[in-house]
Amino acid sequence: MSRPKLLALLCLAVAVAPALAVEPRPLAIAIHGGAGVIDPAKMTPQRAASYRAGLAAALDAGYAILERGGSSLDAVTAAVRTMEDDPQFNAGRGAVLNHEGDAELDAAIMDGHGPRAGAVAGVRHVRNPVELARLVMEKSPHVLLVAEGAEEFALEQGVVLVPRDYFRTEARARELDEARQTQAGQLKAASPGATGTVGAVALDRAGHLAAATSTGGLTNKHRGRVGDSPIVGAGTYADDASCAVSGTGQGEFFIRQVVAYDICALVQYRHLTLAQAVREVIHEKLRRSGGEGGVIAVDRSGNIAMDFNSVGMFRGARDSRGQRDIAMYRDAQ
């Protein structure tokens, strides 16, 4: 090829290159710290500031991983782990107590690339149940392990177990006493955090979605009760073909309605927008059955939805388009 022709081709390539440049995929993460939360009239400025700080720490921990090119799976793990370590949330340390006075912890994680999932339920000595759920997904052929079997698996994987007292806080012990005195033998969901759960959903640069959820369940619950959080499709679901969802609220209703999967199915098969799908499930289907709660969700385009039919839902969202929001009640406060 002659020199003039070669130069002409090089000039053409330089001119066309900008037009062929691919826009980077969006990054997005959303978190929740529970629905059915404290009555706004009882929320002091100090307590609100503390919850906001806890949500911000989890949100930024997850987004920092996405921003440096990490996976959505790592991002939701980091966000949920941060809230499990924060005693003001109903997960990990600070989880609510069952009727016998023990914390029984549930968690699930789902990778939309596959998809694949792992979960644990009824564990009492695992500091970060979300990490054990991930080990179930990555290091075993199973999806859900429970109670002593899950903890045996934890030891096999080198997880250091902690004493049951690690999870017990004065605030949760006080809530349990109040619940026992109010209605002996019945669940009480009115205490702060009693229906709380923590969760995260994320979209990474590779276009992969992930969801994770962790909880202590209900104050004064019957020993062995398992809610929706570790049930794939009920409280946790992710699929790269549609969306990622993490729920919080009255778990029995979320299980019956298969809330998390239903939202993703509406997006994938009925081609609803994420916001439309969330609204239909939370404000119509769930409400008709008497269920209270909410979800956070993100789709493969980076759209985020955070909606609830309860008095409030502790939540936060951040994305590469500049959004960074933290809120607790309907008026975004």
C-alpha atoms as a PDB file:
ATOM      1  CA  MET A   1       0.000   0.000   0.000  1.00  0.00           C
ATOM      2  CA  SER A   2       1.335   3.419  -0.970  1.00  0.00           C
ATOM      3  CA  ARG A   3       2.221   5.963   1.704  1.00  0.00           C
ATOM      4  CA  PRO A   4      -0.583   8.429   0.691  1.00  0.00           C
ATOM      5  CA  LYS A   5      -3.231   5.691   0.898  1.00  0.00           C
ATOM      6  CA  LEU A   6      -1.940   4.572   4.299  1.00  0.00           C
ATOM      7  CA  LEU A   7      -2.088   8.137   5.623  1.00  0.00           C
ATOM      8  CA  ALA A   8      -5.616   8.515   4.266  1.00  0.00           C
ATOM      9  CA  LEU A   9      -6.761   5.347   6.056  1.00  0.00           C
ATOM     10  CA  LEU A  10      -5.177   6.501   9.311  1.00  0.00           C
ATOM     11  CA  CYS A  11      -6.937   9.850   9.074  1.00  0.00           C
ATOM     12  CA  LEU A  12     -10.248   8.090   8.424  1.00  0.00           C
ATOM     13  CA  ALA A  13      -9.756   5.821  11.452  1.00  0.00           C
ATOM     14  CA  VAL A  14      -9.035   8.811  13.692  1.00  0.00           C
ATOM     15  CA  ALA A  15     -12.151  10.591  12.421  1.00  0.00           C
ATOM     16  CA  VAL A  16     -14.436   7.568  12.920  1.00  0.00           C
ATOM     17  CA  ALA A  17     -13.086   6.488  16.327  1.00  0.00           C
ATOM     18  CA  PRO A  18     -15.073   9.007  18.427  1.00  0.00           C
ATOM     19  CA  ALA A  19     -18.303   7.932  16.745  1.00  0.00           C
ATOM     20  CA  LEU A  20     -17.552   4.306  17.596  1.00  0.00           C
ATOM     21  CA  ALA A  21     -16.675   5.027  21.232  1.00  0.00           C
ATOM     22  CA  VAL A  22     -18.945   3.135  23.597  1.00  0.00           C
ATOM     23  CA  GLU A  23     -20.473   4.957  26.523  1.00  0.00           C
ATOM     24  CA  PRO A  24     -19.434   3.354  29.826  1.00  0.00           C
ATOM     25  CA  ARG A  25     -22.138   1.301  31.461  1.00  0.00           C
ATOM     26  CA  PRO A  26     -23.912   3.038  34.352  1.00  0.00           C
ATOM     27  CA  LEU A  27     -23.134   2.158  37.939  1.00  0.00           C
ATOM     28  CA  ALA A  28     -25.915   1.993  40.510  1.00  0.00           C
ATOM     29  CA  ILE A  29     -26.491   0.819  44.063  1.00  0.00           C
ATOM     30  CA  ALA A  30     -29.430   1.046  46.453  1.00  0.00           C
ATOM     31  CA  ILE A  31     -29.659  -0.041  50.085  1.00  0.00           C
ATOM     32  CA  HIS A  32     -32.337  -0.348  52.732  1.00  0.00           C
ATOM     33  CA  GLY A  33     -32.231  -0.564  56.497  1.00  0.00           C
ATOM     34  CA  GLY A  34     -35.765  -1.783  57.076  1.00  0.00           C
ATOM     35  CA  ALA A  35     -39.399  -0.837  56.523  1.00  0.00           C
ATOM     36  CA  GLY A  36     -42.126  -0.357  59.106  1.00  0.00           C
ATOM     37  CA  VAL A  37     -39.659   1.825  60.968  1.00  0.00           C
ATOM     38  CA  ILE A  38     -39.903   4.275  63.837  1.00  0.00           C
ATOM     39  CA  ASP A  39     -42.949   6.552  64.001  1.00  0.00           C
ATOM     40  CA  PRO A  40     -41.833   9.978  62.683  1.00  0.00           C
ATOM     41  CA  ALA A  41     -43.230  11.588  65.846  1.00  0.00           C
ATOM     42  CA  LYS A  42     -40.795   9.523  67.919  1.00  0.00           C
ATOM     43  CA  MET A  43     -37.751  10.099  65.712  1.00  0.00           C
ATOM     44  CA  THR A  44     -35.402  12.481  67.511  1.00  0.00           C
ATOM     45  CA  PRO A  45     -32.887  14.572  65.524  1.00  0.00           C
ATOM     46  CA  GLN A  46     -30.029  12.664  67.151  1.00  0.00           C
ATOM     47  CA  ARG A  47     -31.463   9.280  66.250  1.00  0.00           C
ATOM     48  CA  ALA A  48     -32.233  10.405  62.693  1.00  0.00           C
ATOM     49  CA  ALA A  49     -28.661  11.633  62.272  1.00  0.00           C
ATOM     50  CA  SER A  50     -27.331   8.313  63.535  1.00  0.00           C
ATOM     51  CA  TYR A  51     -29.455   6.281  61.124  1.00  0.00           C
ATOM     52  CA  ARG A  52     -28.496   8.536  58.236  1.00  0.00           C
ATOM     53  CA  ALA A  53     -24.823   8.109  59.076  1.00  0.00           C
ATOM     54  CA  GLY A  54     -25.232   4.327  59.174  1.00  0.00           C
ATOM     55  CA  LEU A  55     -27.008   4.286  55.827  1.00  0.00           C
ATOM     56  CA  ALA A  56     -24.409   6.598  54.288  1.00  0.00           C
ATOM     57  CA  ALA A  57     -21.554   4.384  55.469  1.00  0.00           C
ATOM     58  CA  ALA A  58     -23.121   1.308  53.884  1.00  0.00           C
ATOM     59  CA  LEU A  59     -24.071   3.113  50.671  1.00  0.00           C
ATOM     60  CA  ASP A  60     -20.614   4.583  50.168  1.00  0.00           C
ATOM     61  CA  ALA A  61     -18.854   1.317  51.040  1.00  0.00           C
ATOM     62  CA  GLY A  62     -20.747  -0.440  48.265  1.00  0.00           C
ATOM     63  CA  TYR A  63     -20.424   2.343  45.702  1.00  0.00           C
ATOM     64  CA  ALA A  64     -16.667   2.679  46.272  1.00  0.00           C
ATOM     65  CA  ILE A  65     -16.281  -0.913  45.069  1.00  0.00           C
ATOM     66  CA  LEU A  66     -18.325  -0.252  41.929  1.00  0.00           C
ATOM     67  CA  GLU A  67     -16.423   2.954  41.228  1.00  0.00           C
ATOM     68  CA  ARG A  68     -13.066   1.210  41.189  1.00  0.00           C
ATOM     69  CA  GLY A  69     -14.335  -1.477  38.812  1.00  0.00           C
ATOM     70  CA  GLY A  70     -15.426  -4.054  41.372  1.00  0.00           C
ATOM     71  CA  SER A  71     -18.327  -6.438  40.973  1.00  0.00           C
ATOM     72  CA  SER A  72     -21.916  -5.860  42.006  1.00  0.00           C
ATOM     73  CA  LEU A  73     -21.565  -8.983  44.133  1.00  0.00           C
ATOM     74  CA  ASP A  74     -18.699  -7.438  46.104  1.00  0.00           C
ATOM     75  CA  ALA A  75     -20.609  -4.164  46.382  1.00  0.00           C
ATOM     76  CA  VAL A  76     -23.771  -5.640  47.905  1.00  0.00           C
ATOM     77  CA  THR A  77     -21.694  -7.822  50.225  1.00  0.00           C
ATOM     78  CA  ALA A  78     -19.800  -4.795  51.524  1.00  0.00           C
ATOM     79  CA  ALA A  79     -22.940  -2.691  51.959  1.00  0.00           C
ATOM     80  CA  VAL A  80     -24.847  -5.385  53.846  1.00  0.00           C
ATOM     81  CA  ARG A  81     -21.841  -6.349  55.953  1.00  0.00           C
ATOM     82  CA  THR A  82     -21.495  -2.708  57.035  1.00  0.00           C
ATOM     83  CA  MET A  83     -25.093  -2.695  58.284  1.00  0.00           C
ATOM     84  CA  GLU A  84     -24.704  -6.114  59.936  1.00  0.00           C
ATOM     85  CA  ASP A  85     -21.886  -4.603  62.004  1.00  0.00           C
ATOM     86  CA  ASP A  86     -23.975  -1.562  62.963  1.00  0.00           C
ATOM     87  CA  PRO A  87     -26.085  -2.392  66.067  1.00  0.00           C
ATOM     88  CA  GLN A  88     -28.854   0.066  65.186  1.00  0.00           C
ATOM     89  CA  PHE A  89     -30.010  -2.171  62.316  1.00  0.00           C
ATOM     90  CA  ASN A  90     -31.897  -5.454  62.639  1.00  0.00           C
ATOM     91  CA  ALA A  91     -29.183  -7.691  61.185  1.00  0.00           C
ATOM     92  CA  GLY A  92     -25.980  -9.155  62.576  1.00  0.00           C
ATOM     93  CA  ARG A  93     -24.999  -7.391  65.790  1.00  0.00           C
ATOM     94  CA  GLY A  94     -28.127  -5.679  67.086  1.00  0.00           C
ATOM     95  CA  ALA A  95     -30.550  -8.142  65.490  1.00  0.00           C
ATOM     96  CA  VAL A  96     -33.860  -8.550  67.276  1.00  0.00           C
ATOM     97  CA  LEU A  97     -34.336 -11.441  69.673  1.00  0.00           C
ATOM     98  CA  ASN A  98     -36.653 -14.441  69.514  1.00  0.00           C
ATOM     99  CA  HIS A  99     -38.954 -15.548  72.346  1.00  0.00           C
ATOM    100  CA  GLU A 100     -36.075 -17.354  74.086  1.00  0.00           C
ATOM    101  CA  GLY A 101     -33.856 -14.262  73.929  1.00  0.00           C
ATOM    102  CA  ASP A 102     -31.541 -15.383  71.123  1.00  0.00           C
ATOM    103  CA  ALA A 103     -30.784 -13.793  67.771  1.00  0.00           C
ATOM    104  CA  GLU A 104     -31.524 -16.171  64.889  1.00  0.00           C
ATOM    105  CA  LEU A 105     -30.119 -14.727  61.702  1.00  0.00           C
ATOM    106  CA  ASP A 106     -31.111 -15.167  58.055  1.00  0.00           C
ATOM    107  CA  ALA A 107     -29.385 -13.922  54.907  1.00  0.00           C
ATOM    108  CA  ALA A 108     -29.232 -14.465  51.170  1.00  0.00           C
ATOM    109  CA  ILE A 109     -27.169 -13.249  48.256  1.00  0.00           C
ATOM    110  CA  MET A 110     -27.847 -13.644  44.547  1.00  0.00           C
ATOM    111  CA  ASP A 111     -25.625 -13.087  41.537  1.00  0.00           C
ATOM    112  CA  GLY A 112     -27.639 -12.140  38.463  1.00  0.00           C
ATOM    113  CA  HIS A 113     -24.886 -13.500  36.225  1.00  0.00           C
ATOM    114  CA  GLY A 114     -25.888 -17.148  35.960  1.00  0.00           C
ATOM    115  CA  PRO A 115     -27.976 -16.625  37.961  1.00  0.00           C
ATOM    116  CA  ARG A 116     -26.793 -18.272  41.167  1.00  0.00           C
ATOM    117  CA  ALA A 117     -27.634 -17.838  44.834  1.00  0.00           C
ATOM    118  CA  GLY A 118     -26.722 -18.792  48.392  1.00  0.00           C
ATOM    119  CA  ALA A 119     -28.560 -18.417  51.688  1.00  0.00           C
ATOM    120  CA  VAL A 120     -28.492 -19.302  55.375  1.00  0.00           C
ATOM    121  CA  ALA A 121     -31.250 -19.308  57.991  1.00  0.00           C
ATOM    122  CA  GLY A 122     -31.474 -19.654  61.745  1.00  0.00           C
ATOM    123  CA  VAL A 123     -27.760 -19.174  62.424  1.00  0.00           C
ATOM    124  CA  ARG A 124     -26.832 -17.989  65.919  1.00  0.00           C
ATOM    125  CA  HIS A 125     -23.043 -17.680  65.938  1.00  0.00           C
ATOM    126  CA  VAL A 126     -22.162 -16.117  62.570  1.00  0.00           C
ATOM    127  CA  ARG A 127     -21.066 -12.492  62.770  1.00  0.00           C
ATOM    128  CA  ASN A 128     -21.801 -11.701  59.119  1.00  0.00           C
ATOM    129  CA  PRO A 129     -24.478 -14.016  57.715  1.00  0.00           C
ATOM    130  CA  VAL A 130     -24.269 -12.370  54.280  1.00  0.00           C
ATOM    131  CA  GLU A 131     -20.688 -13.612  53.943  1.00  0.00           C
ATOM    132  CA  LEU A 132     -21.702 -17.142  54.900  1.00  0.00           C
ATOM    133  CA  ALA A 133     -24.540 -17.001  52.355  1.00  0.00           C
ATOM    134  CA  ARG A 134     -21.969 -16.078  49.725  1.00  0.00           C
ATOM    135  CA  LEU A 135     -19.787 -19.018  50.739  1.00  0.00           C
ATOM    136  CA  VAL A 136     -22.794 -21.326  50.339  1.00  0.00           C
ATOM    137  CA  MET A 137     -23.209 -19.971  46.816  1.00  0.00           C
ATOM    138  CA  GLU A 138     -19.550 -20.144  45.848  1.00  0.00           C
ATOM    139  CA  LYS A 139     -18.220 -23.111  47.806  1.00  0.00           C
ATOM    140  CA  SER A 140     -21.099 -25.595  47.893  1.00  0.00           C
ATOM    141  CA  PRO A 141     -23.566 -27.186  45.472  1.00  0.00           C
ATOM    142  CA  HIS A 142     -26.449 -25.969  47.643  1.00  0.00           C
ATOM    143  CA  VAL A 143     -28.545 -22.811  47.854  1.00  0.00           C
ATOM    144  CA  LEU A 144     -29.870 -22.791  51.440  1.00  0.00           C
ATOM    145  CA  LEU A 145     -28.306 -24.154  54.630  1.00  0.00           C
ATOM    146  CA  VAL A 146     -29.945 -23.777  58.039  1.00  0.00           C
ATOM    147  CA  ALA A 147     -29.114 -23.676  61.748  1.00  0.00           C
ATOM    148  CA  GLU A 148     -26.432 -26.088  62.983  1.00  0.00           C
ATOM    149  CA  GLY A 149     -25.784 -27.412  59.475  1.00  0.00           C
ATOM    150  CA  ALA A 150     -25.046 -23.920  58.234  1.00  0.00           C
ATOM    151  CA  GLU A 151     -22.680 -23.313  61.143  1.00  0.00           C
ATOM    152  CA  GLU A 152     -20.894 -26.613  60.558  1.00  0.00           C
ATOM    153  CA  PHE A 153     -20.367 -25.473  56.970  1.00  0.00           C
ATOM    154  CA  ALA A 154     -19.081 -22.128  58.277  1.00  0.00           C
ATOM    155  CA  LEU A 155     -16.434 -23.921  60.347  1.00  0.00           C
ATOM    156  CA  GLU A 156     -15.458 -26.044  57.347  1.00  0.00           C
ATOM    157  CA  GLN A 157     -14.867 -22.811  55.430  1.00  0.00           C
ATOM    158  CA  GLY A 158     -12.717 -21.287  58.176  1.00  0.00           C
ATOM    159  CA  VAL A 159     -15.332 -18.867  59.489  1.00  0.00           C
ATOM    160  CA  VAL A 160     -14.740 -17.963  63.131  1.00  0.00           C
ATOM    161  CA  LEU A 161     -17.968 -18.257  65.113  1.00  0.00           C
ATOM    162  CA  VAL A 162     -18.881 -15.757  67.833  1.00  0.00           C
ATOM    163  CA  PRO A 163     -20.761 -16.189  71.139  1.00  0.00           C
ATOM    164  CA  ARG A 164     -24.509 -15.585  71.112  1.00  0.00           C
ATOM    165  CA  ASP A 165     -24.044 -12.631  73.468  1.00  0.00           C
ATOM    166  CA  TYR A 166     -22.239 -10.787  70.659  1.00  0.00           C
ATOM    167  CA  PHE A 167     -25.601 -10.073  69.015  1.00  0.00           C
ATOM    168  CA  ARG A 168     -27.528  -9.117  72.145  1.00  0.00           C
ATOM    169  CA  THR A 169     -27.818  -5.384  72.833  1.00  0.00           C
ATOM    170  CA  GLU A 170     -29.607  -3.573  75.647  1.00  0.00           C
ATOM    171  CA  ALA A 171     -32.056  -1.998  73.205  1.00  0.00           C
ATOM    172  CA  ARG A 172     -33.089  -5.365  71.713  1.00  0.00           C
ATOM    173  CA  ALA A 173     -33.397  -6.978  75.149  1.00  0.00           C
ATOM    174  CA  ARG A 174     -35.670  -4.125  76.207  1.00  0.00           C
ATOM    175  CA  GLU A 175     -37.809  -4.545  73.085  1.00  0.00           C
ATOM    176  CA  LEU A 176     -38.191  -8.251  73.810  1.00  0.00           C
ATOM    177  CA  ASP A 177     -39.276  -7.572  77.393  1.00  0.00           C
ATOM    178  CA  GLU A 178     -41.864  -5.074  76.174  1.00  0.00           C
ATOM    179  CA  ALA A 179     -43.170  -7.529  73.575  1.00  0.00           C
ATOM    180  CA  ARG A 180     -43.489 -10.320  76.134  1.00  0.00           C
ATOM    181  CA  GLN A 181     -45.362  -8.055  78.544  1.00  0.00           C
ATOM    182  CA  THR A 182     -47.665  -6.647  75.869  1.00  0.00           C
ATOM    183  CA  GLN A 183     -48.907  -9.898  74.360  1.00  0.00           C
ATOM    184  CA  ALA A 184     -47.430 -13.048  75.779  1.00  0.00           C
ATOM    185  CA  GLY A 185     -46.717 -15.549  73.045  1.00  0.00           C
ATOM    186  CA  GLN A 186     -47.604 -13.228  70.177  1.00  0.00           C
ATOM    187  CA  LEU A 187     -45.357 -11.375  67.759  1.00  0.00           C
ATOM    188  CA  LYS A 188     -44.968  -7.680  68.273  1.00  0.00           C
ATOM    189  CA  ALA A 189     -43.992  -5.679  65.224  1.00  0.00           C
ATOM    190  CA  ALA A 190     -44.485  -2.182  66.575  1.00  0.00           C
ATOM    191  CA  SER A 191     -41.125  -1.763  68.272  1.00  0.00           C
ATOM    192  CA  PRO A 192     -38.433   0.175  66.410  1.00  0.00           C
ATOM    193  CA  GLY A 193     -36.651  -2.179  64.073  1.00  0.00           C
ATOM    194  CA  ALA A 194     -38.948  -5.114  64.791  1.00  0.00           C
ATOM    195  CA  THR A 195     -39.685  -5.605  61.099  1.00  0.00           C
ATOM    196  CA  GLY A 196     -36.403  -4.135  59.961  1.00  0.00           C
ATOM    197  CA  THR A 197     -34.095  -5.900  57.567  1.00  0.00           C
ATOM    198  CA  VAL A 198     -31.045  -4.692  55.653  1.00  0.00           C
ATOM    199  CA  GLY A 199     -30.352  -5.179  51.982  1.00  0.00           C
ATOM    200  CA  ALA A 200     -28.542  -3.944  48.901  1.00  0.00           C
ATOM    201  CA  VAL A 201     -28.877  -4.201  45.123  1.00  0.00           C
ATOM    202  CA  ALA A 202     -26.282  -3.119  42.574  1.00  0.00           C
ATOM    203  CA  LEU A 203     -25.315  -2.897  38.905  1.00  0.00           C
ATOM    204  CA  ASP A 204     -21.624  -2.985  37.995  1.00  0.00           C
ATOM    205  CA  ARG A 205     -19.581  -1.844  35.003  1.00  0.00           C
ATOM    206  CA  ALA A 206     -19.807  -5.296  33.388  1.00  0.00           C
ATOM    207  CA  GLY A 207     -23.606  -5.063  33.419  1.00  0.00           C
ATOM    208  CA  HIS A 208     -24.066  -7.657  36.152  1.00  0.00           C
ATOM    209  CA  LEU A 209     -26.729  -7.324  38.836  1.00  0.00           C
ATOM    210  CA  ALA A 210     -26.642  -8.606  42.409  1.00  0.00           C
ATOM    211  CA  ALA A 211     -28.850  -8.512  45.497  1.00  0.00           C
ATOM    212  CA  ALA A 212     -28.270  -9.317  49.166  1.00  0.00           C
ATOM    213  CA  THR A 213     -30.519  -9.264  52.222  1.00  0.00           C
ATOM    214  CA  SER A 214     -29.875  -9.951  55.919  1.00  0.00           C
ATOM    215  CA  THR A 215     -32.134  -9.899  58.974  1.00  0.00           C
ATOM    216  CA  GLY A 216     -32.810 -10.913  62.536  1.00  0.00           C
ATOM    217  CA  GLY A 217     -36.495 -11.322  61.703  1.00  0.00           C
ATOM    218  CA  LEU A 218     -39.240 -10.399  64.176  1.00  0.00           C
ATOM    219  CA  THR A 219     -38.995  -9.463  67.829  1.00  0.00           C
ATOM    220  CA  ASN A 220     -40.346 -12.285  70.052  1.00  0.00           C
ATOM    221  CA  LYS A 221     -40.631 -14.655  67.089  1.00  0.00           C
ATOM    222  CA  HIS A 222     -41.066 -18.398  67.618  1.00  0.00           C
ATOM    223  CA  ARG A 223     -37.783 -20.264  67.617  1.00  0.00           C
ATOM    224  CA  GLY A 224     -37.055 -21.557  64.122  1.00  0.00           C
ATOM    225  CA  ARG A 225     -39.193 -18.989  62.305  1.00  0.00           C
ATOM    226  CA  VAL A 226     -37.710 -18.059  58.922  1.00  0.00           C
ATOM    227  CA  GLY A 227     -38.838 -15.020  56.976  1.00  0.00           C
ATOM    228  CA  ASP A 228     -38.506 -13.980  53.368  1.00  0.00           C
ATOM    229  CA  SER A 229     -34.939 -12.650  53.417  1.00  0.00           C
ATOM    230  CA  PRO A 230     -33.179 -15.992  52.757  1.00  0.00           C
ATOM    231  CA  ILE A 231     -35.890 -17.259  50.419  1.00  0.00           C
ATOM    232  CA  VAL A 232     -34.768 -16.758  46.829  1.00  0.00           C
ATOM    233  CA  GLY A 233     -37.578 -15.085  44.916  1.00  0.00           C
ATOM    234  CA  ALA A 234     -39.383 -13.845  48.028  1.00  0.00           C
ATOM    235  CA  GLY A 235     -37.096 -11.337  49.721  1.00  0.00           C
ATOM    236  CA  THR A 236     -34.059 -11.562  47.447  1.00  0.00           C
ATOM    237  CA  TYR A 237     -33.671 -11.986  43.697  1.00  0.00           C
ATOM    238  CA  ALA A 238     -31.344 -10.941  40.878  1.00  0.00           C
ATOM    239  CA  ASP A 239     -31.155 -11.768  37.180  1.00  0.00           C
ATOM    240  CA  ASP A 240     -29.089  -9.903  34.592  1.00  0.00           C
ATOM    241  CA  ALA A 241     -32.015 -10.257  32.172  1.00  0.00           C
ATOM    242  CA  SER A 242     -34.272  -8.070  34.312  1.00  0.00           C
ATOM    243  CA  CYS A 243     -33.428  -6.611  37.713  1.00  0.00           C
ATOM    244  CA  ALA A 244     -32.213  -7.107  41.267  1.00  0.00           C
ATOM    245  CA  VAL A 245     -34.530  -6.778  44.275  1.00  0.00           C
ATOM    246  CA  SER A 246     -34.195  -6.824  48.066  1.00  0.00           C
ATOM    247  CA  GLY A 247     -37.294  -6.638  50.253  1.00  0.00           C
ATOM    248  CA  THR A 248     -38.130  -5.657  53.797  1.00  0.00           C
ATOM    249  CA  GLY A 249     -41.339  -5.942  55.777  1.00  0.00           C
ATOM    250  CA  GLN A 250     -43.686  -8.694  56.891  1.00  0.00           C
ATOM    251  CA  GLY A 251     -41.865 -11.742  55.617  1.00  0.00           C
ATOM    252  CA  GLU A 252     -44.763 -14.171  55.570  1.00  0.00           C
ATOM    253  CA  PHE A 253     -46.585 -11.977  53.036  1.00  0.00           C
ATOM    254  CA  PHE A 254     -43.468 -11.568  50.894  1.00  0.00           C
ATOM    255  CA  ILE A 255     -43.081 -15.349  50.788  1.00  0.00           C
ATOM    256  CA  ARG A 256     -46.705 -15.941  49.802  1.00  0.00           C
ATOM    257  CA  GLN A 257     -46.551 -13.297  47.072  1.00  0.00           C
ATOM    258  CA  VAL A 258     -42.998 -14.224  45.877  1.00  0.00           C
ATOM    259  CA  VAL A 259     -42.424 -10.478  45.802  1.00  0.00           C
ATOM    260  CA  ALA A 260     -38.831 -10.163  44.571  1.00  0.00           C
ATOM    261  CA  TYR A 261     -39.216 -12.567  41.645  1.00  0.00           C
ATOM    262  CA  ASP A 262     -42.617 -11.168  40.727  1.00  0.00           C
ATOM    263  CA  ILE A 263     -41.135  -7.713  40.218  1.00  0.00           C
ATOM    264  CA  CYS A 264     -38.386  -9.049  37.955  1.00  0.00           C
ATOM    265  CA  ALA A 265     -40.886 -11.173  36.024  1.00  0.00           C
ATOM    266  CA  LEU A 266     -43.055  -8.120  35.355  1.00  0.00           C
ATOM    267  CA  VAL A 267     -40.000  -6.311  33.995  1.00  0.00           C
ATOM    268  CA  GLN A 268     -38.841  -9.213  31.845  1.00  0.00           C
ATOM    269  CA  TYR A 269     -42.102 -10.654  30.529  1.00  0.00           C
ATOM    270  CA  ARG A 270     -44.621  -7.815  30.646  1.00  0.00           C
ATOM    271  CA  HIS A 271     -41.961  -5.210  29.839  1.00  0.00           C
ATOM    272  CA  LEU A 272     -43.045  -2.868  32.606  1.00  0.00           C
ATOM    273  CA  THR A 273     -40.589  -0.234  33.733  1.00  0.00           C
ATOM    274  CA  LEU A 274     -38.897  -0.999  37.029  1.00  0.00           C
ATOM    275  CA  ALA A 275     -40.933   1.674  38.808  1.00  0.00           C
ATOM    276  CA  GLN A 276     -44.188   0.318  37.357  1.00  0.00           C
ATOM    277  CA  ALA A 277     -43.375  -3.243  38.387  1.00  0.00           C
ATOM    278  CA  VAL A 278     -42.455  -2.246  41.922  1.00  0.00           C
ATOM    279  CA  ARG A 279     -45.600  -0.150  42.294  1.00  0.00           C
ATOM    280  CA  GLU A 280     -47.882  -2.937  41.044  1.00  0.00           C
ATOM    281  CA  VAL A 281     -46.443  -5.493  43.452  1.00  0.00           C
ATOM    282  CA  ILE A 282     -46.021  -3.306  46.548  1.00  0.00           C
ATOM    283  CA  HIS A 283     -49.095  -1.090  46.315  1.00  0.00           C
ATOM    284  CA  GLU A 284     -51.544  -3.482  44.683  1.00  0.00           C
ATOM    285  CA  LYS A 285     -50.705  -7.188  45.078  1.00  0.00           C
ATOM    286  CA  LEU A 286     -48.987  -7.010  48.462  1.00  0.00           C
ATOM    287  CA  ARG A 287     -51.453  -4.528  49.917  1.00  0.00           C
ATOM    288  CA  ARG A 288     -54.460  -6.603  48.789  1.00  0.00           C
ATOM    289  CA  SER A 289     -53.141  -9.529  50.792  1.00  0.00           C
ATOM    290  CA  GLY A 290     -52.611  -7.339  53.870  1.00  0.00           C
ATOM    291  CA  GLY A 291     -48.824  -7.216  53.574  1.00  0.00           C
ATOM    292  CA  GLU A 292     -46.763  -4.227  54.625  1.00  0.00           C
ATOM    293  CA  GLY A 293     -43.226  -3.361  53.564  1.00  0.00           C
ATOM    294  CA  GLY A 294     -41.125  -2.210  50.668  1.00  0.00           C
ATOM    295  CA  VAL A 295     -38.330  -3.014  48.252  1.00  0.00           C
ATOM    296  CA  ILE A 296     -35.267  -1.544  46.653  1.00  0.00           C
ATOM    297  CA  ALA A 297     -34.540  -2.534  43.063  1.00  0.00           C
ATOM    298  CA  VAL A 298     -32.202  -1.749  40.167  1.00  0.00           C
ATOM    299  CA  ASP A 299     -32.535  -2.850  36.543  1.00  0.00           C
ATOM    300  CA  ARG A 300     -29.926  -3.604  33.884  1.00  0.00           C
ATOM    301  CA  SER A 301     -30.071  -0.002  32.632  1.00  0.00           C
ATOM    302  CA  GLY A 302     -29.209   1.387  36.055  1.00  0.00           C
ATOM    303  CA  ASN A 303     -32.700   2.618  36.917  1.00  0.00           C
ATOM    304  CA  ILE A 304     -33.370   2.541  40.658  1.00  0.00           C
ATOM    305  CA  ALA A 305     -36.718   2.100  42.431  1.00  0.00           C
ATOM    306  CA  MET A 306     -37.274   2.371  46.180  1.00  0.00           C
ATOM    307  CA  ASP A 307     -40.910   2.107  47.188  1.00  0.00           C
ATOM    308  CA  PHE A 308     -42.949   1.001  50.211  1.00  0.00           C
ATOM    309  CA  ASN A 309     -46.484   0.904  51.586  1.00  0.00           C
ATOM    310  CA  SER A 310     -45.469   1.295  55.247  1.00  0.00           C
ATOM    311  CA  VAL A 311     -44.924   4.449  57.284  1.00  0.00           C
ATOM    312  CA  GLY A 312     -41.322   4.540  56.157  1.00  0.00           C
ATOM    313  CA  MET A 313     -38.308   2.679  54.842  1.00  0.00           C
ATOM    314  CA  PHE A 314     -34.711   3.528  55.671  1.00  0.00           C
ATOM    315  CA  ARG A 315     -33.049   3.699  52.267  1.00  0.00           C
ATOM    316  CA  GLY A 316     -30.307   5.165  50.117  1.00  0.00           C
ATOM    317  CA  ALA A 317     -29.261   5.230  46.464  1.00  0.00           C
ATOM    318  CA  ARG A 318     -26.213   6.315  44.513  1.00  0.00           C
ATOM    319  CA  ASP A 319     -25.275   6.090  40.834  1.00  0.00           C
ATOM    320  CA  SER A 320     -22.764   7.266  38.236  1.00  0.00           C
ATOM    321  CA  ARG A 321     -25.218   9.882  36.957  1.00  0.00           C
ATOM    322  CA  GLY A 322     -24.750  11.908  40.136  1.00  0.00           C
ATOM    323  CA  GLN A 323     -27.630  10.705  42.299  1.00  0.00           C
ATOM    324  CA  ARG A 324     -26.946  10.260  46.011  1.00  0.00           C
ATOM    325  CA  ASP A 325     -30.026  10.117  48.217  1.00  0.00           C
ATOM    326  CA  ILE A 326     -30.689   8.978  51.764  1.00  0.00           C
ATOM    327  CA  ALA A 327     -34.207   9.004  53.189  1.00  0.00           C
ATOM    328  CA  MET A 328     -36.424   7.437  55.824  1.00  0.00           C
ATOM    329  CA  TYR A 329     -40.031   8.516  55.263  1.00  0.00           C
ATOM    330  CA  ARG A 330     -42.392   9.169  52.372  1.00  0.00           C
ATOM    331  CA  ASP A 331     -41.462  12.848  52.112  1.00  0.00           C
ATOM    332  CA  ALA A 332     -37.811  11.815  51.484  1.00  0.00           C
ATOM    333  CA  GLN A 333     -36.720  13.037  54.916  1.00  0.00           C
END
